[in-house]
Amino acid sequence: MRVTAAAGDPLATATDLLVLTSWEEEPLPSPLADLIEPGDWSGKAKQTLLIYPRDALPARRVLLIGLGRRSSPDLDQVREVAAIAAQRARELKVERCAFALPGVPDHPAEAVAAAIAEGSLLGSYRFLEYKTDLKPEDRHEVDELTLLTPGDAEEEAARGVARGDAVARGVNLARDLANLPPNDLTPARLAERAQELATAFGLPITVLGPTEMREQGFGGILAVGRGSANEPRFIVIDYGAQYADALTVCLVGKGMTFDSGGISIKPAENMDAMKMDMSGAAAVLGALHAIAELQLPLRVVALIGAAENMPDGSAYRPGDILKTLSGKTIEVLNTDAEGRIVLADALTYAQRYHPSAIIDLATLTGAISVALGPHAIGLFANDDALAQRLLRAGEAAGERAWQLPLWQPYREMVKSDIADVRNSAGRQAGAITAAAFLQSFVGDYPWAHLDIAGTAWTDSKSKAYQPKGATGVGVRLLVQALRDWTQK
């Protein structure tokens, strides 16, 4: 769907479907109010009413959607309303629709327009690549959504639409990658998808295979991937090298394209969902797509350790000691705590760019799901300014994070008696000790770890713009944080 902004009077616009929003218990414009029976409309949040105005308005259909109370404006609610509208337009098989830009207290037109573009595109998302039994009409998509604005808001709204469009397409790229089955998205294939992205934007990319990784000493990634017929890859994409003097941020993604648990094998139930264990890598690629489209003025280096954790005769074992790229050694106590081992090499590699910040994203621990459920990302950081930047961005983008501590006693818990660190400290404080393990590999650079294990996948439709499956979480937060950073 193509989303654009144009100045125009909604009630004078001819279109297949006109979407109008209304605040709760506030009057509708008279031409519209005359078409509705008293009591049929209140404007409560997400209430909908489809109207066929016939000759009363130029639009063939009008979809009313409630915004709730004006006293509690929320851009995430705007995203949901836009998603509902886009889904209803698809159900009605319309080709084009128009959406009247609402005025939202305390939010400029650009931000509201961005939320509408995001919500429409995120709500329109479907993963149909493997559905062979759908009829052509079941694949119908709306061609165009025009955001109608007052004349003095057109330029501002157009900027918002462009931003929302770029961010949503980044999120949907991340969703696509995490929804792909592991037989089609191997580490090598993930590297190919990264190459496609880099080529599309003319970005330098380096992909290291097993031979190059052995030569350079990637002992963590190589060990984790040793038990699989699908060999690991290490991926580096460099955006904005010309901005290196201003700001360099390394985005590091965990790219486990499938995680069986290895020798410490997982239970069979729900193991199929472990295709999404590369959601951190997907988020990094999705964010990079949006950053490149928006041409943000900073340097972003995307680093992805891609591997498959399988239990064959050559797999790494509990009791093994691994030497990582940093030279530090890891005592392996549980091969299902593999993501942190892969990240150890990637975090070490990031330091060669002398970044202003390192941010990693990973579906790292089940413990974070127990702690925060599906509603918040677990945030850990060695730098409070960076942590606050990400917390603010999460609130603004609708991807909330919650900071957990990284006190010294937690770091003591991951020390090993026979190596430098151990990859598991048991059940207590599992998400925190996993982050403490990662902190051992970031040096003195400002660093933040986003544990997205509880938020990267959903089996229920909790929000209108989020279908079941991969969520693409992290993309909106990262882009918001980096946009804010470049504007100060």
Protein backbone atom coordinates (compact mmCIF):
# COMPACT_ATOMS: atom_id res chain seq x y z
CA MET A 1 0.00 0.00 0.00
CA ARG A 2 1.25 3.45 -0.95
CA VAL A 3 0.64 6.13 1.68
CA THR A 4 0.67 9.81 0.69
CA ALA A 5 -0.42 13.15 2.17
CA ALA A 6 -2.47 15.79 0.37
CA ALA A 7 -4.44 18.88 1.33
CA GLY A 8 -8.17 18.41 0.97
CA ASP A 9 -11.62 18.63 2.54
CA PRO A 10 -12.58 15.07 3.62
CA LEU A 11 -16.33 15.69 3.22
CA ALA A 12 -15.76 16.90 -0.34
CA THR A 13 -13.43 14.04 -1.38
CA ALA A 14 -14.53 11.30 -3.76
CA THR A 15 -12.99 8.00 -2.73
CA ASP A 16 -13.85 4.31 -2.33
CA LEU A 17 -13.61 4.65 1.46
CA LEU A 18 -13.32 7.76 3.62
CA VAL A 19 -11.99 7.19 7.15
CA LEU A 20 -13.04 9.74 9.75
CA THR A 21 -12.14 9.71 13.42
CA SER A 22 -14.07 11.15 16.30
CA TRP A 23 -13.42 11.90 19.96
CA GLU A 24 -15.75 10.36 22.48
CA GLU A 25 -19.05 12.21 23.02
CA GLU A 26 -18.09 15.06 20.69
CA PRO A 27 -20.47 16.09 17.88
CA LEU A 28 -19.95 14.97 14.30
CA PRO A 29 -20.11 17.43 11.38
CA SER A 30 -23.71 17.97 10.28
CA PRO A 31 -23.66 16.17 6.89
CA LEU A 32 -22.42 13.05 8.68
CA ALA A 33 -24.52 13.37 11.82
CA ASP A 34 -27.64 13.40 9.64
CA LEU A 35 -26.80 9.90 8.38
CA ILE A 36 -26.57 8.29 11.82
CA GLU A 37 -29.39 7.24 14.12
CA PRO A 38 -29.21 8.70 17.64
CA GLY A 39 -27.39 6.35 19.99
CA ASP A 40 -25.53 4.51 17.21
CA TRP A 41 -22.31 6.41 17.81
CA SER A 42 -20.35 7.44 20.90
CA GLY A 43 -16.74 7.74 19.70
CA LYS A 44 -15.36 5.30 22.26
CA ALA A 45 -11.83 4.08 21.53
CA LYS A 46 -11.74 1.78 18.50
CA GLN A 47 -15.54 1.79 18.01
CA THR A 48 -16.35 1.54 14.30
CA LEU A 49 -19.37 2.34 12.17
CA LEU A 50 -19.58 1.86 8.41
CA ILE A 51 -21.88 4.27 6.57
CA TYR A 52 -23.06 4.30 2.95
CA PRO A 53 -23.83 8.00 2.34
CA ARG A 54 -25.22 7.52 -1.17
CA ASP A 55 -25.62 11.03 -2.58
CA ALA A 56 -25.07 12.87 0.70
CA LEU A 57 -21.25 12.81 0.32
CA PRO A 58 -18.87 12.18 -2.61
CA ALA A 59 -17.27 9.19 -0.81
CA ARG A 60 -18.84 5.80 -1.58
CA ARG A 61 -18.36 4.62 2.02
CA VAL A 62 -17.47 6.32 5.28
CA LEU A 63 -15.80 4.45 8.12
CA LEU A 64 -16.09 6.16 11.49
CA ILE A 65 -13.56 5.12 14.15
CA GLY A 66 -13.54 6.32 17.73
CA LEU A 67 -10.43 7.84 19.30
CA GLY A 68 -11.69 7.77 22.87
CA ARG A 69 -11.44 10.73 25.24
CA ARG A 70 -9.64 13.82 24.02
CA SER A 71 -8.21 14.27 27.52
CA SER A 72 -5.95 11.22 27.14
CA PRO A 73 -4.40 11.39 23.64
CA ASP A 74 -2.09 8.53 22.76
CA LEU A 75 -0.22 8.05 19.49
CA ASP A 76 -0.23 4.31 19.96
CA GLN A 77 -4.02 4.50 19.90
CA VAL A 78 -3.73 6.42 16.63
CA ARG A 79 -1.59 3.58 15.25
CA GLU A 80 -4.29 1.10 16.24
CA VAL A 81 -7.05 3.16 14.67
CA ALA A 82 -5.07 3.38 11.43
CA ALA A 83 -4.51 -0.38 11.47
CA ILE A 84 -8.23 -1.02 11.97
CA ALA A 85 -8.99 1.27 9.04
CA ALA A 86 -6.50 -0.44 6.74
CA GLN A 87 -7.81 -3.89 7.62
CA ARG A 88 -11.41 -2.82 7.09
CA ALA A 89 -10.49 -1.30 3.73
CA ARG A 90 -8.94 -4.59 2.67
CA GLU A 91 -12.02 -6.53 3.81
CA LEU A 92 -14.18 -4.22 1.70
CA LYS A 93 -11.88 -4.89 -1.29
CA VAL A 94 -11.40 -1.17 -1.97
CA GLU A 95 -8.54 0.01 -4.16
CA ARG A 96 -8.07 3.47 -2.65
CA CYS A 97 -9.06 5.11 0.59
CA ALA A 98 -8.66 8.47 2.26
CA PHE A 99 -7.97 9.14 5.93
CA ALA A 100 -8.72 12.53 7.48
CA LEU A 101 -5.83 13.68 9.65
CA PRO A 102 -7.13 14.13 13.21
CA GLY A 103 -5.89 16.82 15.53
CA VAL A 104 -4.37 15.13 18.58
CA PRO A 105 -3.68 17.37 21.59
CA ASP A 106 0.00 17.76 22.51
CA HIS A 107 1.16 16.05 19.29
CA PRO A 108 2.21 17.89 16.10
CA ALA A 109 0.74 16.95 12.75
CA GLU A 110 4.01 15.29 11.68
CA ALA A 111 3.92 12.85 14.60
CA VAL A 112 0.22 12.05 14.06
CA ALA A 113 0.80 11.48 10.34
CA ALA A 114 3.75 9.20 11.09
CA ALA A 115 1.60 7.17 13.49
CA ILE A 116 -1.14 6.82 10.86
CA ALA A 117 1.34 5.67 8.19
CA GLU A 118 2.94 3.22 10.62
CA GLY A 119 -0.37 1.83 11.82
CA SER A 120 -1.80 1.41 8.32
CA LEU A 121 1.23 -0.46 6.99
CA LEU A 122 1.81 -2.51 10.13
CA GLY A 123 -1.88 -3.40 10.31
CA SER A 124 -1.90 -4.42 6.64
CA TYR A 125 0.94 -6.88 7.15
CA ARG A 126 0.30 -10.54 6.34
CA PHE A 127 2.80 -13.35 5.89
CA LEU A 128 1.41 -15.31 2.94
CA GLU A 129 4.57 -16.59 1.29
CA TYR A 130 3.76 -20.25 1.93
CA LYS A 131 -0.04 -20.11 1.48
CA THR A 132 -0.84 -21.88 -1.79
CA ASP A 133 -4.59 -22.35 -1.25
CA LEU A 134 -5.70 -18.71 -1.21
CA LYS A 135 -8.04 -17.40 -3.90
CA PRO A 136 -6.95 -14.22 -5.72
CA GLU A 137 -9.57 -12.17 -3.87
CA ASP A 138 -8.12 -13.37 -0.56
CA ARG A 139 -4.82 -11.77 -1.54
CA HIS A 140 -6.38 -8.37 -2.19
CA GLU A 141 -4.44 -5.38 -0.89
CA VAL A 142 -5.39 -1.70 -0.85
CA ASP A 143 -3.34 0.17 -3.43
CA GLU A 144 -3.31 3.65 -1.94
CA LEU A 145 -4.13 5.51 1.25
CA THR A 146 -4.23 9.32 1.07
CA LEU A 147 -3.91 11.25 4.29
CA LEU A 148 -6.11 14.34 3.91
CA THR A 149 -4.80 17.40 5.74
CA PRO A 150 -5.62 21.08 6.17
CA GLY A 151 -3.63 23.15 3.70
CA ASP A 152 -1.26 24.54 6.30
CA ALA A 153 -0.38 21.06 7.59
CA GLU A 154 0.28 19.32 4.26
CA GLU A 155 4.07 19.69 4.25
CA GLU A 156 4.42 18.69 7.88
CA ALA A 157 2.13 15.68 7.40
CA ALA A 158 4.06 14.61 4.30
CA ARG A 159 7.25 14.47 6.37
CA GLY A 160 5.46 12.36 8.95
CA VAL A 161 4.10 10.00 6.31
CA ALA A 162 7.57 9.51 4.82
CA ARG A 163 8.98 8.72 8.27
CA GLY A 164 6.16 6.40 9.26
CA ASP A 165 6.35 4.63 5.92
CA ALA A 166 10.10 3.99 6.27
CA VAL A 167 9.80 2.76 9.84
CA ALA A 168 6.87 0.45 9.08
CA ARG A 169 8.64 -1.08 6.10
CA GLY A 170 11.65 -1.74 8.33
CA VAL A 171 9.41 -3.44 10.90
CA ASN A 172 7.72 -5.54 8.22
CA LEU A 173 11.11 -6.59 6.85
CA ALA A 174 12.05 -7.77 10.35
CA ARG A 175 8.72 -9.61 10.63
CA ASP A 176 9.28 -11.33 7.29
CA LEU A 177 12.72 -12.55 8.30
CA ALA A 178 11.61 -13.88 11.68
CA ASN A 179 8.53 -15.57 10.19
CA LEU A 180 10.58 -17.49 7.62
CA PRO A 181 10.99 -21.21 8.36
CA PRO A 182 14.48 -22.40 9.36
CA ASN A 183 14.82 -24.64 6.29
CA ASP A 184 14.61 -21.49 4.15
CA LEU A 185 16.43 -19.03 6.43
CA THR A 186 19.75 -20.66 7.22
CA PRO A 187 22.74 -18.55 8.32
CA ALA A 188 23.91 -18.40 4.70
CA ARG A 189 20.48 -17.31 3.50
CA LEU A 190 20.29 -14.63 6.22
CA ALA A 191 23.61 -13.33 4.90
CA GLU A 192 22.13 -13.26 1.39
CA ARG A 193 19.15 -11.23 2.63
CA ALA A 194 21.56 -8.83 4.32
CA GLN A 195 23.46 -8.56 1.02
CA GLU A 196 20.22 -7.70 -0.79
CA LEU A 197 19.55 -4.90 1.67
CA ALA A 198 23.09 -3.56 1.41
CA THR A 199 22.97 -3.64 -2.39
CA ALA A 200 19.62 -1.83 -2.46
CA PHE A 201 21.09 1.11 -0.54
CA GLY A 202 24.65 0.93 -1.87
CA LEU A 203 26.15 0.03 1.52
CA PRO A 204 29.46 -1.79 2.09
CA ILE A 205 28.95 -5.31 3.45
CA THR A 206 31.33 -7.99 4.69
CA VAL A 207 30.25 -11.60 5.21
CA LEU A 208 32.69 -13.92 6.96
CA GLY A 209 32.35 -17.66 6.49
CA PRO A 210 33.81 -20.40 8.70
CA THR A 211 37.29 -20.19 7.16
CA GLU A 212 37.61 -16.44 7.71
CA MET A 213 36.15 -16.72 11.20
CA ARG A 214 38.66 -19.43 12.13
CA GLU A 215 41.51 -17.28 10.86
CA GLN A 216 40.34 -14.32 12.95
CA GLY A 217 39.48 -16.27 16.11
CA PHE A 218 35.67 -16.23 16.33
CA GLY A 219 35.69 -19.09 18.81
CA GLY A 220 32.21 -18.39 20.18
CA ILE A 221 30.19 -18.35 16.96
CA LEU A 222 32.12 -21.26 15.48
CA ALA A 223 31.53 -23.42 18.55
CA VAL A 224 27.80 -22.77 18.63
CA GLY A 225 27.40 -23.49 14.91
CA ARG A 226 29.63 -26.57 14.91
CA GLY A 227 26.81 -29.10 15.30
CA SER A 228 24.85 -27.97 12.24
CA ALA A 229 25.20 -28.79 8.57
CA ASN A 230 24.34 -25.12 7.95
CA GLU A 231 27.58 -23.29 8.69
CA PRO A 232 27.64 -19.97 10.56
CA ARG A 233 28.20 -16.51 9.13
CA PHE A 234 29.28 -13.16 10.53
CA ILE A 235 27.71 -10.15 8.81
CA VAL A 236 28.87 -6.52 8.87
CA ILE A 237 27.00 -3.69 7.09
CA ASP A 238 28.39 -0.16 7.34
CA TYR A 239 26.01 2.79 6.87
CA GLY A 240 27.06 6.44 6.90
CA ALA A 241 30.84 6.13 7.16
CA GLN A 242 31.01 9.81 6.14
CA TYR A 243 29.38 10.69 9.48
CA ALA A 244 31.93 8.81 11.61
CA ASP A 245 33.32 11.99 13.19
CA ALA A 246 29.87 12.94 14.56
CA LEU A 247 28.36 9.73 15.93
CA THR A 248 28.98 6.02 15.44
CA VAL A 249 26.57 3.44 16.84
CA CYS A 250 27.03 -0.31 16.53
CA LEU A 251 23.82 -2.33 16.39
CA VAL A 252 24.46 -5.97 17.25
CA GLY A 253 21.86 -8.68 16.55
CA LYS A 254 21.62 -12.26 17.71
CA GLY A 255 21.04 -14.33 14.58
CA MET A 256 20.24 -17.89 15.70
CA THR A 257 18.27 -19.04 12.68
CA PHE A 258 17.19 -22.11 14.64
CA ASP A 259 17.90 -23.13 18.21
CA SER A 260 17.30 -26.72 19.24
CA GLY A 261 19.25 -26.15 22.44
CA GLY A 262 22.11 -28.28 21.15
CA ILE A 263 23.25 -31.09 23.47
CA SER A 264 21.16 -29.44 26.24
CA ILE A 265 18.20 -30.01 23.94
CA LYS A 266 14.92 -28.19 24.41
CA PRO A 267 11.58 -29.97 24.97
CA ALA A 268 9.76 -30.81 21.74
CA GLU A 269 6.75 -28.67 22.63
CA ASN A 270 7.02 -25.22 21.01
CA MET A 271 10.49 -25.90 19.62
CA ASP A 272 9.13 -24.85 16.23
CA ALA A 273 8.99 -21.26 17.51
CA MET A 274 12.78 -21.26 17.76
CA LYS A 275 12.92 -20.13 14.14
CA MET A 276 12.41 -16.66 15.64
CA ASP A 277 15.60 -16.83 17.70
CA MET A 278 17.14 -14.53 15.09
CA SER A 279 14.68 -11.72 15.86
CA GLY A 280 17.51 -9.54 17.17
CA ALA A 281 19.27 -9.82 13.82
CA ALA A 282 15.98 -9.18 12.04
CA ALA A 283 15.44 -6.01 14.09
CA VAL A 284 18.92 -4.75 13.28
CA LEU A 285 18.36 -5.26 9.54
CA GLY A 286 14.90 -3.70 9.72
CA ALA A 287 16.24 -0.68 11.60
CA LEU A 288 19.08 -0.30 9.11
CA HIS A 289 16.57 -0.37 6.24
CA ALA A 290 14.61 2.48 7.84
CA ILE A 291 17.75 4.45 8.77
CA ALA A 292 19.05 4.23 5.21
CA GLU A 293 15.69 5.22 3.74
CA LEU A 294 15.48 8.20 6.08
CA GLN A 295 19.16 9.07 5.41
CA LEU A 296 19.85 9.76 9.07
CA PRO A 297 23.13 11.69 9.55
CA LEU A 298 25.12 9.23 11.63
CA ARG A 299 27.24 6.13 11.17
CA VAL A 300 25.51 2.84 11.99
CA VAL A 301 27.42 -0.42 11.84
CA ALA A 302 25.18 -3.50 11.84
CA LEU A 303 26.84 -6.65 13.21
CA ILE A 304 25.13 -10.05 13.12
CA GLY A 305 26.38 -13.39 14.34
CA ALA A 306 24.33 -15.99 12.46
CA ALA A 307 24.38 -19.65 13.41
CA GLU A 308 22.21 -22.73 13.95
CA ASN A 309 22.42 -24.60 17.25
CA MET A 310 22.06 -28.33 16.59
CA PRO A 311 23.12 -31.53 18.45
CA ASP A 312 25.21 -33.72 16.19
CA GLY A 313 28.43 -35.59 16.97
CA SER A 314 30.58 -32.51 16.48
CA ALA A 315 28.41 -30.17 18.56
CA TYR A 316 29.90 -28.25 21.44
CA ARG A 317 29.22 -29.76 24.86
CA PRO A 318 28.53 -28.83 28.47
CA GLY A 319 31.96 -28.77 30.09
CA ASP A 320 33.74 -27.34 27.03
CA ILE A 321 35.88 -24.24 27.42
CA LEU A 322 35.81 -21.84 24.47
CA LYS A 323 38.27 -19.13 23.53
CA THR A 324 36.44 -16.13 22.08
CA LEU A 325 37.47 -13.36 19.70
CA SER A 326 38.40 -11.20 22.69
CA GLY A 327 40.79 -13.85 24.00
CA LYS A 328 38.56 -14.42 27.03
CA THR A 329 37.48 -17.96 27.84
CA ILE A 330 33.96 -19.27 28.47
CA GLU A 331 33.08 -22.36 30.48
CA VAL A 332 30.04 -23.95 28.85
CA LEU A 333 27.52 -25.24 31.39
CA ASN A 334 24.47 -25.27 29.12
CA THR A 335 24.54 -25.35 25.33
CA ASP A 336 21.06 -23.81 25.27
CA ALA A 337 22.60 -20.58 26.56
CA GLU A 338 24.20 -20.15 23.15
CA GLY A 339 23.05 -16.68 22.13
CA ARG A 340 25.28 -14.93 24.63
CA ILE A 341 28.28 -16.89 23.31
CA VAL A 342 27.55 -15.73 19.74
CA LEU A 343 27.07 -12.16 20.96
CA ALA A 344 30.38 -12.27 22.86
CA ASP A 345 32.29 -12.38 19.56
CA ALA A 346 30.07 -9.76 17.92
CA LEU A 347 30.38 -7.33 20.85
CA THR A 348 34.14 -7.71 20.77
CA TYR A 349 34.20 -7.02 17.03
CA ALA A 350 32.12 -3.86 17.55
CA GLN A 351 34.89 -2.25 19.59
CA ARG A 352 37.15 -1.83 16.57
CA TYR A 353 34.82 0.98 15.40
CA HIS A 354 35.38 2.96 18.64
CA PRO A 355 31.63 3.62 18.78
CA SER A 356 29.72 6.21 20.77
CA ALA A 357 27.44 3.35 21.76
CA ILE A 358 26.93 -0.37 21.29
CA ILE A 359 23.34 -1.62 21.39
CA ASP A 360 22.57 -5.31 21.12
CA LEU A 361 19.19 -6.96 20.63
CA ALA A 362 18.58 -10.61 21.39
CA THR A 363 15.88 -13.11 22.22
CA LEU A 364 18.20 -14.04 25.03
CA THR A 365 16.31 -15.47 28.01
CA GLY A 366 13.02 -17.03 28.96
CA ALA A 367 13.58 -15.33 32.29
CA ILE A 368 12.77 -11.92 30.83
CA SER A 369 9.37 -13.25 29.74
CA VAL A 370 8.71 -14.39 33.29
CA ALA A 371 9.77 -11.00 34.66
CA LEU A 372 8.06 -8.64 32.20
CA GLY A 373 5.67 -10.74 30.14
CA PRO A 374 4.93 -9.66 26.54
CA HIS A 375 4.53 -5.96 27.30
CA ALA A 376 8.07 -4.67 27.82
CA ILE A 377 11.61 -5.15 26.56
CA GLY A 378 14.23 -5.88 29.19
CA LEU A 379 16.87 -3.13 29.17
CA PHE A 380 20.33 -3.41 30.70
CA ALA A 381 23.11 -0.84 30.35
CA ASN A 382 26.49 0.21 31.69
CA ASP A 383 25.73 3.86 30.84
CA ASP A 384 22.76 5.66 32.37
CA ALA A 385 22.55 8.35 29.68
CA LEU A 386 22.26 5.67 26.99
CA ALA A 387 19.68 3.78 29.04
CA GLN A 388 17.54 6.90 29.49
CA ARG A 389 17.79 7.65 25.77
CA LEU A 390 16.43 4.19 24.93
CA LEU A 391 13.71 4.33 27.59
CA ARG A 392 12.43 7.65 26.22
CA ALA A 393 12.55 6.35 22.66
CA GLY A 394 10.60 3.23 23.64
CA GLU A 395 7.84 5.32 25.21
CA ALA A 396 7.63 7.57 22.14
CA ALA A 397 7.68 4.71 19.64
CA GLY A 398 5.23 2.44 21.45
CA GLU A 399 7.87 -0.19 22.27
CA ARG A 400 8.32 0.18 26.00
CA ALA A 401 11.45 -0.98 27.80
CA TRP A 402 12.10 -1.49 31.51
CA GLN A 403 15.57 -1.18 33.00
CA LEU A 404 16.90 -3.89 35.29
CA PRO A 405 20.03 -3.63 37.45
CA LEU A 406 23.55 -4.77 36.60
CA TRP A 407 25.13 -4.55 40.04
CA GLN A 408 28.51 -6.11 40.76
CA PRO A 409 27.06 -9.12 42.64
CA TYR A 410 25.36 -10.21 39.41
CA ARG A 411 28.68 -10.02 37.59
CA GLU A 412 30.21 -12.20 40.29
CA MET A 413 27.56 -14.84 39.52
CA VAL A 414 28.92 -15.42 36.00
CA LYS A 415 32.54 -15.84 37.01
CA SER A 416 33.95 -19.32 36.44
CA ASP A 417 36.31 -21.30 38.64
CA ILE A 418 38.21 -22.66 35.64
CA ALA A 419 37.65 -20.04 32.90
CA ASP A 420 37.03 -16.31 32.75
CA VAL A 421 33.23 -16.55 32.69
CA ARG A 422 30.57 -19.25 32.57
CA ASN A 423 27.63 -19.14 30.21
CA SER A 424 24.99 -19.98 32.82
CA ALA A 425 24.54 -18.95 36.44
CA GLY A 426 21.40 -20.99 37.07
CA ARG A 427 17.76 -19.96 37.35
CA GLN A 428 18.07 -17.06 39.77
CA ALA A 429 18.13 -13.65 38.05
CA GLY A 430 18.54 -15.41 34.71
CA ALA A 431 17.95 -12.37 32.49
CA ILE A 432 20.28 -10.23 34.60
CA THR A 433 23.13 -12.72 34.74
CA ALA A 434 22.87 -13.19 30.97
CA ALA A 435 23.31 -9.42 30.58
CA ALA A 436 26.17 -9.48 33.09
CA PHE A 437 27.86 -12.12 30.94
CA LEU A 438 27.55 -9.85 27.87
CA GLN A 439 28.98 -6.90 29.80
CA SER A 440 32.24 -8.84 30.08
CA PHE A 441 32.73 -8.38 26.33
CA VAL A 442 31.98 -4.66 25.74
CA GLY A 443 35.07 -3.08 27.26
CA ASP A 444 34.60 0.51 28.42
CA TYR A 445 32.23 1.54 25.63
CA PRO A 446 28.69 2.76 26.42
CA TRP A 447 26.55 -0.31 25.91
CA ALA A 448 22.93 -1.36 26.20
CA HIS A 449 21.38 -4.80 25.90
CA LEU A 450 17.75 -5.23 24.85
CA ASP A 451 16.35 -8.65 25.76
CA ILE A 452 13.38 -9.05 23.40
CA ALA A 453 12.60 -12.70 24.18
CA GLY A 454 9.20 -11.80 25.62
CA THR A 455 8.20 -9.32 22.92
CA ALA A 456 9.55 -10.70 19.63
CA TRP A 457 6.72 -13.17 19.01
CA THR A 458 3.03 -13.24 19.82
CA ASP A 459 0.39 -15.95 19.66
CA SER A 460 -2.44 -13.47 20.19
CA LYS A 461 -3.51 -10.26 18.51
CA SER A 462 -3.10 -7.86 21.42
CA LYS A 463 -2.97 -4.77 19.19
CA ALA A 464 -4.68 -4.08 15.89
CA TYR A 465 -1.38 -3.36 14.17
CA GLN A 466 0.26 -6.56 15.43
CA PRO A 467 -0.80 -9.84 13.79
CA LYS A 468 0.15 -13.21 15.23
CA GLY A 469 3.76 -14.28 14.72
CA ALA A 470 6.88 -12.15 14.55
CA THR A 471 6.44 -8.62 15.88
CA GLY A 472 9.51 -6.88 14.45
CA VAL A 473 10.06 -5.41 17.90
CA GLY A 474 13.05 -3.14 18.36
CA VAL A 475 12.96 -1.45 14.96
CA ARG A 476 10.73 1.44 16.02
CA LEU A 477 12.62 1.95 19.28
CA LEU A 478 16.02 2.01 17.56
CA VAL A 479 14.98 4.39 14.80
CA GLN A 480 13.31 6.73 17.30
CA ALA A 481 16.40 6.71 19.53
CA LEU A 482 18.78 7.41 16.65
CA ARG A 483 16.55 10.14 15.19
CA ASP A 484 16.37 11.84 18.55
CA TRP A 485 20.13 11.54 18.96
CA THR A 486 20.86 13.22 15.62
CA GLN A 487 18.48 16.09 16.35
CA LYS A 488 20.29 17.24 19.51
